[in-house]
PDB file of all heavy atoms in Angstrom:
ATOM      1  N   GLU A   1      87.686 -12.997 -53.771  1.00  0.00           N
ATOM      2  CA  GLU A   1      88.980 -12.311 -53.890  1.00  0.00           C
ATOM      3  C   GLU A   1      89.968 -13.357 -54.370  1.00  0.00           C
ATOM      4  O   GLU A   1      90.206 -14.410 -53.713  1.00  0.00           O
ATOM      5  CB  GLU A   1      89.439 -11.719 -52.521  1.00  0.00           C
ATOM      6  CG  GLU A   1      90.717 -10.955 -52.660  1.00  0.00           C
ATOM      7  CD  GLU A   1      91.059 -10.233 -51.418  1.00  0.00           C
ATOM      8  OE1 GLU A   1      90.434 -10.420 -50.366  1.00  0.00           O
ATOM      9  OE2 GLU A   1      92.014  -9.375 -51.420  1.00  0.00           O
ATOM     10  N   MET A   2      90.553 -13.170 -55.496  1.00  0.00           N
ATOM     11  CA  MET A   2      91.567 -14.008 -56.076  1.00  0.00           C
ATOM     12  C   MET A   2      92.912 -13.677 -55.498  1.00  0.00           C
ATOM     13  O   MET A   2      93.422 -12.514 -55.518  1.00  0.00           O
ATOM     14  CB  MET A   2      91.596 -13.871 -57.556  1.00  0.00           C
ATOM     15  CG  MET A   2      90.188 -13.990 -58.212  1.00  0.00           C
ATOM     16  SD  MET A   2      89.286 -15.484 -57.808  1.00  0.00           S
ATOM     17  CE  MET A   2      90.172 -16.654 -58.801  1.00  0.00           C
ATOM     18  N   LYS A   3      93.575 -14.654 -54.922  1.00  0.00           N
ATOM     19  CA  LYS A   3      94.866 -14.480 -54.169  1.00  0.00           C
ATOM     20  C   LYS A   3      95.916 -15.501 -54.501  1.00  0.00           C
ATOM     21  O   LYS A   3      95.584 -16.558 -55.074  1.00  0.00           O
ATOM     22  CB  LYS A   3      94.631 -14.509 -52.650  1.00  0.00           C
ATOM     23  CG  LYS A   3      93.608 -13.476 -52.119  1.00  0.00           C
ATOM     24  CD  LYS A   3      94.143 -12.092 -52.235  1.00  0.00           C
ATOM     25  CE  LYS A   3      95.424 -11.855 -51.455  1.00  0.00           C
ATOM     26  NZ  LYS A   3      95.999 -10.520 -51.655  1.00  0.00           N
ATOM     27  N   SER A   4      97.127 -15.124 -54.177  1.00  0.00           N
ATOM     28  CA  SER A   4      98.251 -16.114 -54.246  1.00  0.00           C
ATOM     29  C   SER A   4      98.491 -16.682 -55.613  1.00  0.00           C
ATOM     30  O   SER A   4      98.728 -17.874 -55.739  1.00  0.00           O
ATOM     31  CB  SER A   4      98.113 -17.240 -53.231  1.00  0.00           C
ATOM     32  OG  SER A   4      97.640 -16.695 -51.953  1.00  0.00           O
ATOM     33  N   ALA A   5      98.316 -15.969 -56.658  1.00  0.00           N
ATOM     34  CA  ALA A   5      98.539 -16.367 -58.015  1.00  0.00           C
ATOM     35  C   ALA A   5     100.000 -16.506 -58.401  1.00  0.00           C
ATOM     36  O   ALA A   5     100.748 -15.628 -57.909  1.00  0.00           O
ATOM     37  CB  ALA A   5      97.862 -15.460 -59.035  1.00  0.00           C
ATOM     38  N   TRP A   6     100.367 -17.490 -59.158  1.00  0.00           N
ATOM     39  CA  TRP A   6     101.731 -17.641 -59.610  1.00  0.00           C
ATOM     40  C   TRP A   6     101.744 -18.498 -60.837  1.00  0.00           C
ATOM     41  O   TRP A   6     100.836 -19.156 -61.191  1.00  0.00           O
ATOM     42  CB  TRP A   6     102.627 -18.261 -58.506  1.00  0.00           C
ATOM     43  CG  TRP A   6     102.290 -19.721 -58.192  1.00  0.00           C
ATOM     44  CD1 TRP A   6     101.323 -20.179 -57.333  1.00  0.00           C
ATOM     45  CD2 TRP A   6     102.904 -20.871 -58.736  1.00  0.00           C
ATOM     46  NE1 TRP A   6     101.305 -21.518 -57.342  1.00  0.00           N
ATOM     47  CE2 TRP A   6     102.207 -22.001 -58.176  1.00  0.00           C
ATOM     48  CE3 TRP A   6     103.895 -21.096 -59.684  1.00  0.00           C
ATOM     49  CZ2 TRP A   6     102.575 -23.287 -58.530  1.00  0.00           C
ATOM     50  CZ3 TRP A   6     104.217 -22.381 -60.045  1.00  0.00           C
ATOM     51  CH2 TRP A   6     103.609 -23.499 -59.429  1.00  0.00           C
ATOM     52  N   THR A   7     102.817 -18.314 -61.619  1.00  0.00           N
ATOM     53  CA  THR A   7     103.022 -19.096 -62.769  1.00  0.00           C
ATOM     54  C   THR A   7     104.439 -19.664 -62.889  1.00  0.00           C
ATOM     55  O   THR A   7     105.386 -19.117 -62.110  1.00  0.00           O
ATOM     56  CB  THR A   7     102.734 -18.395 -64.076  1.00  0.00           C
ATOM     57  OG1 THR A   7     103.740 -17.237 -64.243  1.00  0.00           O
ATOM     58  CG2 THR A   7     101.356 -17.795 -64.152  1.00  0.00           C
ATOM     59  N   THR A   8     104.687 -20.588 -63.621  1.00  0.00           N
ATOM     60  CA  THR A   8     106.019 -21.221 -63.799  1.00  0.00           C
ATOM     61  C   THR A   8     106.997 -20.129 -64.327  1.00  0.00           C
ATOM     62  O   THR A   8     106.618 -19.107 -64.945  1.00  0.00           O
ATOM     63  CB  THR A   8     105.942 -22.295 -64.920  1.00  0.00           C
ATOM     64  OG1 THR A   8     107.240 -22.767 -65.213  1.00  0.00           O
ATOM     65  CG2 THR A   8     105.251 -21.773 -66.188  1.00  0.00           C
ATOM     66  N   ASP A   9     108.299 -20.357 -64.034  1.00  0.00           N
ATOM     67  CA  ASP A   9     109.330 -19.425 -64.505  1.00  0.00           C
ATOM     68  C   ASP A   9     109.774 -19.790 -65.983  1.00  0.00           C
ATOM     69  O   ASP A   9     110.691 -19.165 -66.488  1.00  0.00           O
ATOM     70  CB  ASP A   9     110.504 -19.382 -63.573  1.00  0.00           C
ATOM     71  CG  ASP A   9     111.026 -20.740 -63.329  1.00  0.00           C
ATOM     72  OD1 ASP A   9     110.623 -21.759 -63.838  1.00  0.00           O
ATOM     73  OD2 ASP A   9     111.999 -20.877 -62.398  1.00  0.00           O
ATOM     74  N   ASP A  10     109.150 -20.825 -66.550  1.00  0.00           N
ATOM     75  CA  ASP A  10     109.388 -21.169 -67.887  1.00  0.00           C
ATOM     76  C   ASP A  10     108.714 -20.117 -68.872  1.00  0.00           C
ATOM     77  O   ASP A  10     107.463 -20.052 -68.942  1.00  0.00           O
ATOM     78  CB  ASP A  10     108.827 -22.541 -68.223  1.00  0.00           C
ATOM     79  CG  ASP A  10     109.061 -23.007 -69.634  1.00  0.00           C
ATOM     80  OD1 ASP A  10     109.302 -22.125 -70.532  1.00  0.00           O
ATOM     81  OD2 ASP A  10     108.974 -24.194 -69.923  1.00  0.00           O
ATOM     82  N   ARG A  11     109.487 -19.275 -69.511  1.00  0.00           N
ATOM     83  CA  ARG A  11     108.875 -18.102 -70.230  1.00  0.00           C
ATOM     84  C   ARG A  11     108.001 -18.566 -71.348  1.00  0.00           C
ATOM     85  O   ARG A  11     107.050 -17.834 -71.644  1.00  0.00           O
ATOM     86  CB  ARG A  11     110.053 -17.267 -70.756  1.00  0.00           C
ATOM     87  CG  ARG A  11     110.884 -16.581 -69.677  1.00  0.00           C
ATOM     88  CD  ARG A  11     111.868 -15.643 -70.263  1.00  0.00           C
ATOM     89  NE  ARG A  11     112.592 -14.936 -69.166  1.00  0.00           N
ATOM     90  CZ  ARG A  11     112.925 -13.646 -69.259  1.00  0.00           C
ATOM     91  NH1 ARG A  11     112.549 -12.901 -70.219  1.00  0.00           N
ATOM     92  NH2 ARG A  11     113.610 -13.107 -68.164  1.00  0.00           N
ATOM     93  N   ASN A  12     108.295 -19.685 -71.893  1.00  0.00           N
ATOM     94  CA  ASN A  12     107.403 -20.164 -73.032  1.00  0.00           C
ATOM     95  C   ASN A  12     106.006 -20.597 -72.542  1.00  0.00           C
ATOM     96  O   ASN A  12     105.008 -20.569 -73.275  1.00  0.00           O
ATOM     97  CB  ASN A  12     108.072 -21.336 -73.752  1.00  0.00           C
ATOM     98  CG  ASN A  12     109.338 -20.899 -74.420  1.00  0.00           C
ATOM     99  OD1 ASN A  12     109.412 -19.798 -74.931  1.00  0.00           O
ATOM    100  ND2 ASN A  12     110.275 -21.786 -74.464  1.00  0.00           N
ATOM    101  N   ARG A  13     105.940 -20.997 -71.231  1.00  0.00           N
ATOM    102  CA  ARG A  13     104.655 -21.457 -70.700  1.00  0.00           C
ATOM    103  C   ARG A  13     103.966 -20.389 -69.840  1.00  0.00           C
ATOM    104  O   ARG A  13     102.784 -20.516 -69.566  1.00  0.00           O
ATOM    105  CB  ARG A  13     104.825 -22.722 -69.978  1.00  0.00           C
ATOM    106  CG  ARG A  13     105.204 -23.934 -70.897  1.00  0.00           C
ATOM    107  CD  ARG A  13     105.000 -25.249 -70.111  1.00  0.00           C
ATOM    108  NE  ARG A  13     104.981 -26.346 -71.020  1.00  0.00           N
ATOM    109  CZ  ARG A  13     104.753 -27.608 -70.675  1.00  0.00           C
ATOM    110  NH1 ARG A  13     104.376 -27.885 -69.471  1.00  0.00           N
ATOM    111  NH2 ARG A  13     104.801 -28.583 -71.508  1.00  0.00           N
ATOM    112  N   ALA A  14     104.765 -19.477 -69.330  1.00  0.00           N
ATOM    113  CA  ALA A  14     104.162 -18.579 -68.291  1.00  0.00           C
ATOM    114  C   ALA A  14     102.976 -17.780 -68.872  1.00  0.00           C
ATOM    115  O   ALA A  14     101.950 -17.653 -68.100  1.00  0.00           O
ATOM    116  CB  ALA A  14     105.314 -17.660 -67.806  1.00  0.00           C
ATOM    117  N   ARG A  15     103.109 -17.246 -70.025  1.00  0.00           N
ATOM    118  CA  ARG A  15     101.977 -16.410 -70.500  1.00  0.00           C
ATOM    119  C   ARG A  15     100.745 -17.097 -70.746  1.00  0.00           C
ATOM    120  O   ARG A  15      99.644 -16.692 -70.352  1.00  0.00           O
ATOM    121  CB  ARG A  15     102.421 -15.576 -71.751  1.00  0.00           C
ATOM    122  CG  ARG A  15     101.392 -14.586 -72.280  1.00  0.00           C
ATOM    123  CD  ARG A  15     102.049 -13.680 -73.285  1.00  0.00           C
ATOM    124  NE  ARG A  15     102.983 -12.776 -72.691  1.00  0.00           N
ATOM    125  CZ  ARG A  15     102.644 -11.658 -72.040  1.00  0.00           C
ATOM    126  NH1 ARG A  15     101.354 -11.275 -71.967  1.00  0.00           N
ATOM    127  NH2 ARG A  15     103.545 -10.884 -71.513  1.00  0.00           N
ATOM    128  N   PRO A  16     100.760 -18.310 -71.397  1.00  0.00           N
ATOM    129  CA  PRO A  16      99.510 -19.037 -71.667  1.00  0.00           C
ATOM    130  C   PRO A  16      98.931 -19.582 -70.293  1.00  0.00           C
ATOM    131  O   PRO A  16      97.684 -19.567 -70.161  1.00  0.00           O
ATOM    132  CB  PRO A  16      99.861 -20.204 -72.579  1.00  0.00           C
ATOM    133  CG  PRO A  16     101.319 -20.287 -72.545  1.00  0.00           C
ATOM    134  CD  PRO A  16     101.880 -18.864 -72.306  1.00  0.00           C
ATOM    135  N   VAL A  17      99.810 -19.860 -69.371  1.00  0.00           N
ATOM    136  CA  VAL A  17      99.301 -20.340 -68.085  1.00  0.00           C
ATOM    137  C   VAL A  17      98.605 -19.169 -67.387  1.00  0.00           C
ATOM    138  O   VAL A  17      97.550 -19.262 -66.778  1.00  0.00           O
ATOM    139  CB  VAL A  17     100.467 -20.864 -67.235  1.00  0.00           C
ATOM    140  CG1 VAL A  17     100.042 -20.975 -65.719  1.00  0.00           C
ATOM    141  CG2 VAL A  17     100.918 -22.216 -67.704  1.00  0.00           C
ATOM    142  N   SER A  18      99.231 -17.983 -67.473  1.00  0.00           N
ATOM    143  CA  SER A  18      98.673 -16.802 -66.886  1.00  0.00           C
ATOM    144  C   SER A  18      97.273 -16.437 -67.441  1.00  0.00           C
ATOM    145  O   SER A  18      96.314 -16.078 -66.717  1.00  0.00           O
ATOM    146  CB  SER A  18      99.617 -15.599 -67.011  1.00  0.00           C
ATOM    147  OG  SER A  18      99.089 -14.396 -66.417  1.00  0.00           O
ATOM    148  N   LYS A  19      97.167 -16.536 -68.783  1.00  0.00           N
ATOM    149  CA  LYS A  19      95.879 -16.222 -69.462  1.00  0.00           C
ATOM    150  C   LYS A  19      94.774 -17.238 -69.092  1.00  0.00           C
ATOM    151  O   LYS A  19      93.634 -16.920 -68.889  1.00  0.00           O
ATOM    152  CB  LYS A  19      96.075 -16.192 -70.958  1.00  0.00           C
ATOM    153  CG  LYS A  19      96.883 -15.006 -71.410  1.00  0.00           C
ATOM    154  CD  LYS A  19      96.882 -14.833 -72.985  1.00  0.00           C
ATOM    155  CE  LYS A  19      95.604 -14.256 -73.393  1.00  0.00           C
ATOM    156  NZ  LYS A  19      95.637 -13.821 -74.834  1.00  0.00           N
ATOM    157  N   ALA A  20      95.208 -18.560 -68.907  1.00  0.00           N
ATOM    158  CA  ALA A  20      94.255 -19.548 -68.432  1.00  0.00           C
ATOM    159  C   ALA A  20      93.803 -19.220 -67.056  1.00  0.00           C
ATOM    160  O   ALA A  20      92.590 -19.305 -66.692  1.00  0.00           O
ATOM    161  CB  ALA A  20      94.880 -20.892 -68.453  1.00  0.00           C
ATOM    162  N   LEU A  21      94.692 -18.865 -66.167  1.00  0.00           N
ATOM    163  CA  LEU A  21      94.283 -18.523 -64.752  1.00  0.00           C
ATOM    164  C   LEU A  21      93.508 -17.271 -64.697  1.00  0.00           C
ATOM    165  O   LEU A  21      92.678 -17.091 -63.777  1.00  0.00           O
ATOM    166  CB  LEU A  21      95.622 -18.390 -63.889  1.00  0.00           C
ATOM    167  CG  LEU A  21      96.406 -19.658 -63.651  1.00  0.00           C
ATOM    168  CD1 LEU A  21      97.677 -19.368 -62.902  1.00  0.00           C
ATOM    169  CD2 LEU A  21      95.556 -20.666 -62.857  1.00  0.00           C
ATOM    170  N   ALA A  22      93.667 -16.358 -65.619  1.00  0.00           N
ATOM    171  CA  ALA A  22      92.929 -15.161 -65.664  1.00  0.00           C
ATOM    172  C   ALA A  22      91.410 -15.448 -65.872  1.00  0.00           C
ATOM    173  O   ALA A  22      90.575 -14.609 -65.514  1.00  0.00           O
ATOM    174  CB  ALA A  22      93.378 -14.201 -66.794  1.00  0.00           C
ATOM    175  N   ARG A  23      91.043 -16.569 -66.338  1.00  0.00           N
ATOM    176  CA  ARG A  23      89.711 -16.944 -66.527  1.00  0.00           C
ATOM    177  C   ARG A  23      89.003 -17.694 -65.322  1.00  0.00           C
ATOM    178  O   ARG A  23      87.890 -17.950 -65.283  1.00  0.00           O
ATOM    179  CB  ARG A  23      89.565 -17.932 -67.764  1.00  0.00           C
ATOM    180  CG  ARG A  23      90.089 -17.322 -69.049  1.00  0.00           C
ATOM    181  CD  ARG A  23      89.685 -18.173 -70.223  1.00  0.00           C
ATOM    182  NE  ARG A  23      90.241 -19.516 -70.238  1.00  0.00           N
ATOM    183  CZ  ARG A  23      91.444 -19.803 -70.823  1.00  0.00           C
ATOM    184  NH1 ARG A  23      92.255 -18.762 -71.344  1.00  0.00           N
ATOM    185  NH2 ARG A  23      91.925 -21.022 -70.785  1.00  0.00           N
ATOM    186  N   SER A  24      89.870 -17.959 -64.366  1.00  0.00           N
ATOM    187  CA  SER A  24      89.500 -18.802 -63.250  1.00  0.00           C
ATOM    188  C   SER A  24      88.332 -18.240 -62.467  1.00  0.00           C
ATOM    189  O   SER A  24      87.475 -19.012 -61.896  1.00  0.00           O
ATOM    190  CB  SER A  24      90.710 -19.101 -62.303  1.00  0.00           C
ATOM    191  OG  SER A  24      91.234 -17.855 -61.769  1.00  0.00           O
ATOM    192  N   GLY A  25      88.355 -16.963 -62.183  1.00  0.00           N
ATOM    193  CA  GLY A  25      87.276 -16.380 -61.402  1.00  0.00           C
ATOM    194  C   GLY A  25      85.876 -16.629 -61.894  1.00  0.00           C
ATOM    195  O   GLY A  25      84.936 -16.754 -61.094  1.00  0.00           O
ATOM    196  N   PHE A  26      85.775 -16.823 -63.234  1.00  0.00           N
ATOM    197  CA  PHE A  26      84.452 -17.063 -63.779  1.00  0.00           C
ATOM    198  C   PHE A  26      83.956 -18.496 -63.439  1.00  0.00           C
ATOM    199  O   PHE A  26      82.758 -18.635 -63.394  1.00  0.00           O
ATOM    200  CB  PHE A  26      84.482 -16.828 -65.273  1.00  0.00           C
ATOM    201  CG  PHE A  26      84.694 -15.353 -65.654  1.00  0.00           C
ATOM    202  CD1 PHE A  26      85.964 -14.894 -65.863  1.00  0.00           C
ATOM    203  CD2 PHE A  26      83.569 -14.562 -65.777  1.00  0.00           C
ATOM    204  CE1 PHE A  26      86.121 -13.539 -66.192  1.00  0.00           C
ATOM    205  CE2 PHE A  26      83.765 -13.180 -66.099  1.00  0.00           C
ATOM    206  CZ  PHE A  26      85.024 -12.681 -66.228  1.00  0.00           C
ATOM    207  N   HIS A  27      84.858 -19.413 -63.288  1.00  0.00           N
ATOM    208  CA  HIS A  27      84.430 -20.735 -62.914  1.00  0.00           C
ATOM    209  C   HIS A  27      83.831 -20.676 -61.473  1.00  0.00           C
ATOM    210  O   HIS A  27      82.757 -21.249 -61.273  1.00  0.00           O
ATOM    211  CB  HIS A  27      85.599 -21.712 -62.844  1.00  0.00           C
ATOM    212  CG  HIS A  27      86.488 -21.647 -64.081  1.00  0.00           C
ATOM    213  ND1 HIS A  27      87.848 -21.784 -63.965  1.00  0.00           N
ATOM    214  CD2 HIS A  27      86.213 -21.416 -65.409  1.00  0.00           C
ATOM    215  CE1 HIS A  27      88.385 -21.684 -65.182  1.00  0.00           C
ATOM    216  NE2 HIS A  27      87.361 -21.405 -66.042  1.00  0.00           N
ATOM    217  N   ALA A  28      84.445 -19.848 -60.584  1.00  0.00           N
ATOM    218  CA  ALA A  28      83.962 -19.731 -59.220  1.00  0.00           C
ATOM    219  C   ALA A  28      82.681 -18.996 -59.161  1.00  0.00           C
ATOM    220  O   ALA A  28      81.709 -19.407 -58.448  1.00  0.00           O
ATOM    221  CB  ALA A  28      84.997 -19.093 -58.356  1.00  0.00           C
ATOM    222  N   MET A  29      82.600 -17.969 -59.927  1.00  0.00           N
ATOM    223  CA  MET A  29      81.328 -17.187 -60.008  1.00  0.00           C
ATOM    224  C   MET A  29      80.181 -17.975 -60.548  1.00  0.00           C
ATOM    225  O   MET A  29      79.073 -17.879 -60.018  1.00  0.00           O
ATOM    226  CB  MET A  29      81.561 -15.852 -60.824  1.00  0.00           C
ATOM    227  CG  MET A  29      82.485 -14.886 -60.137  1.00  0.00           C
ATOM    228  SD  MET A  29      82.496 -13.275 -60.985  1.00  0.00           S
ATOM    229  CE  MET A  29      83.585 -13.559 -62.400  1.00  0.00           C
ATOM    230  N   GLU A  30      80.495 -18.835 -61.437  1.00  0.00           N
ATOM    231  CA  GLU A  30      79.484 -19.747 -62.032  1.00  0.00           C
ATOM    232  C   GLU A  30      78.917 -20.732 -60.907  1.00  0.00           C
ATOM    233  O   GLU A  30      77.684 -20.937 -60.684  1.00  0.00           O
ATOM    234  CB  GLU A  30      79.976 -20.521 -63.219  1.00  0.00           C
ATOM    235  CG  GLU A  30      79.047 -21.558 -63.739  1.00  0.00           C
ATOM    236  CD  GLU A  30      77.826 -21.029 -64.483  1.00  0.00           C
ATOM    237  OE1 GLU A  30      77.888 -19.881 -64.940  1.00  0.00           O
ATOM    238  OE2 GLU A  30      76.839 -21.755 -64.586  1.00  0.00           O
ATOM    239  N   LEU A  31      79.967 -21.333 -60.277  1.00  0.00           N
ATOM    240  CA  LEU A  31      79.571 -22.334 -59.244  1.00  0.00           C
ATOM    241  C   LEU A  31      78.819 -21.678 -58.034  1.00  0.00           C
ATOM    242  O   LEU A  31      77.890 -22.365 -57.482  1.00  0.00           O
ATOM    243  CB  LEU A  31      80.818 -22.997 -58.701  1.00  0.00           C
ATOM    244  CG  LEU A  31      81.532 -24.044 -59.611  1.00  0.00           C
ATOM    245  CD1 LEU A  31      82.843 -24.405 -59.021  1.00  0.00           C
ATOM    246  CD2 LEU A  31      80.630 -25.246 -59.717  1.00  0.00           C
ATOM    247  N   MET A  32      79.081 -20.481 -57.668  1.00  0.00           N
ATOM    248  CA  MET A  32      78.534 -19.902 -56.499  1.00  0.00           C
ATOM    249  C   MET A  32      77.485 -18.819 -56.705  1.00  0.00           C
ATOM    250  O   MET A  32      76.932 -18.229 -55.806  1.00  0.00           O
ATOM    251  CB  MET A  32      79.694 -19.293 -55.674  1.00  0.00           C
ATOM    252  CG  MET A  32      80.759 -20.279 -55.232  1.00  0.00           C
ATOM    253  SD  MET A  32      81.952 -19.636 -54.001  1.00  0.00           S
ATOM    254  CE  MET A  32      80.808 -19.396 -52.570  1.00  0.00           C
ATOM    255  N   GLY A  33      77.172 -18.595 -58.008  1.00  0.00           N
ATOM    256  CA  GLY A  33      76.134 -17.576 -58.235  1.00  0.00           C
ATOM    257  C   GLY A  33      76.556 -16.161 -57.863  1.00  0.00           C
ATOM    258  O   GLY A  33      75.714 -15.362 -57.437  1.00  0.00           O
ATOM    259  N   ILE A  34      77.869 -15.889 -58.085  1.00  0.00           N
ATOM    260  CA  ILE A  34      78.392 -14.567 -57.564  1.00  0.00           C
ATOM    261  C   ILE A  34      78.625 -13.647 -58.720  1.00  0.00           C
ATOM    262  O   ILE A  34      78.952 -14.078 -59.884  1.00  0.00           O
ATOM    263  CB  ILE A  34      79.710 -14.836 -56.769  1.00  0.00           C
ATOM    264  CG1 ILE A  34      79.326 -15.311 -55.357  1.00  0.00           C
ATOM    265  CG2 ILE A  34      80.630 -13.683 -56.760  1.00  0.00           C
ATOM    266  CD1 ILE A  34      80.514 -15.760 -54.549  1.00  0.00           C
ATOM    267  N   GLN A  35      78.482 -12.336 -58.547  1.00  0.00           N
ATOM    268  CA  GLN A  35      78.601 -11.418 -59.609  1.00  0.00           C
ATOM    269  C   GLN A  35      80.030 -10.841 -59.707  1.00  0.00           C
ATOM    270  O   GLN A  35      80.461 -10.512 -60.872  1.00  0.00           O
ATOM    271  CB  GLN A  35      77.684 -10.246 -59.385  1.00  0.00           C
ATOM    272  CG  GLN A  35      77.653  -9.238 -60.602  1.00  0.00           C
ATOM    273  CD  GLN A  35      76.677  -8.114 -60.481  1.00  0.00           C
ATOM    274  OE1 GLN A  35      75.764  -8.231 -59.628  1.00  0.00           O
ATOM    275  NE2 GLN A  35      76.838  -7.050 -61.217  1.00  0.00           N
ATOM    276  N   PHE A  36      80.806 -10.806 -58.681  1.00  0.00           N
ATOM    277  CA  PHE A  36      82.105 -10.058 -58.704  1.00  0.00           C
ATOM    278  C   PHE A  36      83.234 -10.873 -58.281  1.00  0.00           C
ATOM    279  O   PHE A  36      83.129 -11.693 -57.341  1.00  0.00           O
ATOM    280  CB  PHE A  36      82.047  -8.783 -57.826  1.00  0.00           C
ATOM    281  CG  PHE A  36      81.131  -7.702 -58.328  1.00  0.00           C
ATOM    282  CD1 PHE A  36      79.857  -7.556 -57.649  1.00  0.00           C
ATOM    283  CD2 PHE A  36      81.449  -6.833 -59.423  1.00  0.00           C
ATOM    284  CE1 PHE A  36      78.965  -6.572 -58.147  1.00  0.00           C
ATOM    285  CE2 PHE A  36      80.588  -5.897 -59.856  1.00  0.00           C
ATOM    286  CZ  PHE A  36      79.355  -5.739 -59.187  1.00  0.00           C
ATOM    287  N   CYS A  37      84.435 -10.626 -58.891  1.00  0.00           N
ATOM    288  CA  CYS A  37      85.688 -11.083 -58.365  1.00  0.00           C
ATOM    289  C   CYS A  37      86.625  -9.845 -58.310  1.00  0.00           C
ATOM    290  O   CYS A  37      86.445  -8.900 -59.122  1.00  0.00           O
ATOM    291  CB  CYS A  37      86.296 -12.116 -59.308  1.00  0.00           C
ATOM    292  SG  CYS A  37      85.818 -13.793 -58.918  1.00  0.00           S
TER     293      CYS A  37
END
């Protein structure tokens, strides 16, 4: 379960940071052999 997400209030950086974090669950699923987030 992905929780407590946040991004900077800098509008120019918030969207790319958010898109990068959107990929984070796959790093964890890879490490733990898990199918779902």
